[in-house]
């Protein structure tokens, strides 16, 4: 089965979504994207912290080549700033998507007939 046949019903359905519904879905997709970036950033943060702690252990146990100038407190503070940004953005976009969805439903029920 070709991809066109598989995707055609989906594309037809997506074309019908316009106005507030399409906007609500786009905002919800943006919220999901922010959440995904936050998860990936957190995983990266943990791997950097683990490597720094490992280097610090080797440095204190006679391996001076492992000594680095990594400032864990400053790194954690920068992460907390990014995390706050991720949370505020995610919840703002999520609330916006929900609000647009509710507005779309209200408009649908207000139509005569």
C-alpha atoms as a PDB file:
ATOM      1  CA  UNK A   1       0.000   0.000   0.000  1.00  0.00           C
ATOM      2  CA  UNK A   2       1.459   3.346  -0.962  1.00  0.00           C
ATOM      3  CA  UNK A   3       2.046   6.151   1.502  1.00  0.00           C
ATOM      4  CA  UNK A   4      -0.350   8.381  -0.415  1.00  0.00           C
ATOM      5  CA  UNK A   5      -3.244   5.995   0.206  1.00  0.00           C
ATOM      6  CA  UNK A   6      -2.382   5.742   3.864  1.00  0.00           C
ATOM      7  CA  UNK A   7      -1.911   9.470   4.388  1.00  0.00           C
ATOM      8  CA  UNK A   8      -4.808  10.653   2.215  1.00  0.00           C
ATOM      9  CA  UNK A   9      -7.528  10.156   4.865  1.00  0.00           C
ATOM     10  CA  UNK A  10      -5.346  11.860   7.434  1.00  0.00           C
ATOM     11  CA  UNK A  11      -4.632  14.807   5.147  1.00  0.00           C
ATOM     12  CA  UNK A  12      -8.317  15.167   4.276  1.00  0.00           C
ATOM     13  CA  UNK A  13      -9.162  15.215   7.969  1.00  0.00           C
ATOM     14  CA  UNK A  14      -6.422  17.751   8.726  1.00  0.00           C
ATOM     15  CA  UNK A  15      -7.702  20.047   5.971  1.00  0.00           C
ATOM     16  CA  UNK A  16     -11.104  20.107   7.642  1.00  0.00           C
ATOM     17  CA  UNK A  17      -9.527  21.356  10.852  1.00  0.00           C
ATOM     18  CA  UNK A  18      -9.343  25.078  10.569  1.00  0.00           C
ATOM     19  CA  UNK A  19      -9.896  28.089  12.689  1.00  0.00           C
ATOM     20  CA  UNK A  20      -9.829  27.571  16.422  1.00  0.00           C
ATOM     21  CA  UNK A  21      -9.530  23.792  16.231  1.00  0.00           C
ATOM     22  CA  UNK A  22      -6.403  23.933  14.108  1.00  0.00           C
ATOM     23  CA  UNK A  23      -4.948  26.670  16.282  1.00  0.00           C
ATOM     24  CA  UNK A  24      -5.698  24.708  19.460  1.00  0.00           C
ATOM     25  CA  UNK A  25      -4.001  21.629  18.021  1.00  0.00           C
ATOM     26  CA  UNK A  26      -0.987  23.676  16.925  1.00  0.00           C
ATOM     27  CA  UNK A  27      -0.648  25.201  20.403  1.00  0.00           C
ATOM     28  CA  UNK A  28      -1.004  21.754  22.008  1.00  0.00           C
ATOM     29  CA  UNK A  29       1.673  20.394  19.665  1.00  0.00           C
ATOM     30  CA  UNK A  30       3.954  23.261  20.684  1.00  0.00           C
ATOM     31  CA  UNK A  31       3.379  22.365  24.360  1.00  0.00           C
ATOM     32  CA  UNK A  32       4.312  18.749  23.643  1.00  0.00           C
ATOM     33  CA  UNK A  33       7.435  19.928  21.831  1.00  0.00           C
ATOM     34  CA  UNK A  34       8.447  22.073  24.830  1.00  0.00           C
ATOM     35  CA  UNK A  35       7.945  19.061  27.116  1.00  0.00           C
ATOM     36  CA  UNK A  36      10.111  16.904  24.862  1.00  0.00           C
ATOM     37  CA  UNK A  37      12.900  19.500  24.815  1.00  0.00           C
ATOM     38  CA  UNK A  38      12.693  19.788  28.616  1.00  0.00           C
ATOM     39  CA  UNK A  39      13.050  16.019  29.050  1.00  0.00           C
ATOM     40  CA  UNK A  40      16.031  15.865  26.694  1.00  0.00           C
ATOM     41  CA  UNK A  41      17.654  18.845  28.423  1.00  0.00           C
ATOM     42  CA  UNK A  42      17.155  17.218  31.828  1.00  0.00           C
ATOM     43  CA  UNK A  43      18.763  13.986  30.632  1.00  0.00           C
ATOM     44  CA  UNK A  44      21.708  15.967  29.299  1.00  0.00           C
ATOM     45  CA  UNK A  45      21.993  17.836  32.612  1.00  0.00           C
ATOM     46  CA  UNK A  46      22.111  14.568  34.544  1.00  0.00           C
ATOM     47  CA  UNK A  47      24.811  13.131  32.297  1.00  0.00           C
ATOM     48  CA  UNK A  48      26.937  16.284  32.636  1.00  0.00           C
ATOM     49  CA  UNK A  49      26.535  16.248  36.433  1.00  0.00           C
ATOM     50  CA  UNK A  50      27.415  12.555  36.614  1.00  0.00           C
ATOM     51  CA  UNK A  51      30.546  13.079  34.531  1.00  0.00           C
ATOM     52  CA  UNK A  52      31.551  16.051  36.699  1.00  0.00           C
ATOM     53  CA  UNK A  53      31.049  14.062  39.918  1.00  0.00           C
ATOM     54  CA  UNK A  54      33.063  11.189  38.491  1.00  0.00           C
ATOM     55  CA  UNK A  55      35.874  13.588  37.507  1.00  0.00           C
ATOM     56  CA  UNK A  56      35.806  15.144  40.981  1.00  0.00           C
ATOM     57  CA  UNK A  57      36.141  11.712  42.603  1.00  0.00           C
ATOM     58  CA  UNK A  58      39.102  10.756  40.415  1.00  0.00           C
ATOM     59  CA  UNK A  59      40.659  14.183  41.002  1.00  0.00           C
ATOM     60  CA  UNK A  60      40.460  13.751  44.782  1.00  0.00           C
ATOM     61  CA  UNK A  61      41.874  10.213  44.561  1.00  0.00           C
ATOM     62  CA  UNK A  62      45.175  10.932  42.871  1.00  0.00           C
ATOM     63  CA  UNK A  63      44.302  11.490  39.201  1.00  0.00           C
ATOM     64  CA  UNK A  64      45.042  15.185  38.605  1.00  0.00           C
ATOM     65  CA  UNK A  65      44.321  14.896  34.862  1.00  0.00           C
ATOM     66  CA  UNK A  66      40.639  14.421  35.835  1.00  0.00           C
ATOM     67  CA  UNK A  67      40.516  17.744  37.686  1.00  0.00           C
ATOM     68  CA  UNK A  68      38.211  20.295  36.053  1.00  0.00           C
ATOM     69  CA  UNK A  69      36.918  23.735  36.912  1.00  0.00           C
ATOM     70  CA  UNK A  70      33.274  22.623  36.720  1.00  0.00           C
ATOM     71  CA  UNK A  71      31.053  24.772  38.942  1.00  0.00           C
ATOM     72  CA  UNK A  72      28.217  22.458  39.910  1.00  0.00           C
ATOM     73  CA  UNK A  73      26.285  25.130  41.816  1.00  0.00           C
ATOM     74  CA  UNK A  74      26.324  27.540  38.856  1.00  0.00           C
ATOM     75  CA  UNK A  75      25.366  24.735  36.475  1.00  0.00           C
ATOM     76  CA  UNK A  76      22.440  23.731  38.705  1.00  0.00           C
ATOM     77  CA  UNK A  77      21.313  27.366  38.948  1.00  0.00           C
ATOM     78  CA  UNK A  78      21.296  27.690  35.150  1.00  0.00           C
ATOM     79  CA  UNK A  79      19.318  24.457  34.908  1.00  0.00           C
ATOM     80  CA  UNK A  80      16.746  25.731  37.403  1.00  0.00           C
ATOM     81  CA  UNK A  81      16.293  28.878  35.302  1.00  0.00           C
ATOM     82  CA  UNK A  82      15.756  26.794  32.166  1.00  0.00           C
ATOM     83  CA  UNK A  83      13.417  24.432  34.010  1.00  0.00           C
ATOM     84  CA  UNK A  84      11.305  27.353  35.181  1.00  0.00           C
ATOM     85  CA  UNK A  85      11.119  28.593  31.599  1.00  0.00           C
ATOM     86  CA  UNK A  86      10.085  25.141  30.375  1.00  0.00           C
ATOM     87  CA  UNK A  87       7.379  24.838  33.028  1.00  0.00           C
ATOM     88  CA  UNK A  88       5.941  28.311  32.466  1.00  0.00           C
ATOM     89  CA  UNK A  89       5.952  27.841  28.693  1.00  0.00           C
ATOM     90  CA  UNK A  90       4.431  24.359  28.862  1.00  0.00           C
ATOM     91  CA  UNK A  91       1.609  25.322  31.210  1.00  0.00           C
ATOM     92  CA  UNK A  92       0.900  28.567  29.348  1.00  0.00           C
ATOM     93  CA  UNK A  93       0.659  26.730  26.033  1.00  0.00           C
ATOM     94  CA  UNK A  94      -1.392  23.939  27.612  1.00  0.00           C
ATOM     95  CA  UNK A  95      -3.836  26.398  29.140  1.00  0.00           C
ATOM     96  CA  UNK A  96      -4.025  28.260  25.830  1.00  0.00           C
ATOM     97  CA  UNK A  97      -4.791  25.049  23.928  1.00  0.00           C
ATOM     98  CA  UNK A  98      -7.454  24.068  26.450  1.00  0.00           C
ATOM     99  CA  UNK A  99      -8.976  27.564  26.327  1.00  0.00           C
ATOM    100  CA  UNK A 100      -9.082  27.521  22.534  1.00  0.00           C
ATOM    101  CA  UNK A 101     -10.681  24.075  22.617  1.00  0.00           C
ATOM    102  CA  UNK A 102     -13.354  25.247  25.036  1.00  0.00           C
ATOM    103  CA  UNK A 103     -13.970  28.354  22.928  1.00  0.00           C
ATOM    104  CA  UNK A 104     -14.342  26.180  19.831  1.00  0.00           C
ATOM    105  CA  UNK A 105     -16.883  23.954  21.600  1.00  0.00           C
ATOM    106  CA  UNK A 106     -18.851  26.952  22.831  1.00  0.00           C
ATOM    107  CA  UNK A 107     -18.991  28.389  19.333  1.00  0.00           C
ATOM    108  CA  UNK A 108     -20.142  25.052  17.944  1.00  0.00           C
ATOM    109  CA  UNK A 109     -23.040  24.887  20.442  1.00  0.00           C
ATOM    110  CA  UNK A 110     -24.037  28.513  19.824  1.00  0.00           C
ATOM    111  CA  UNK A 111     -24.656  27.943  16.119  1.00  0.00           C
ATOM    112  CA  UNK A 112     -28.326  27.705  15.229  1.00  0.00           C
ATOM    113  CA  UNK A 113     -29.668  24.504  13.761  1.00  0.00           C
END
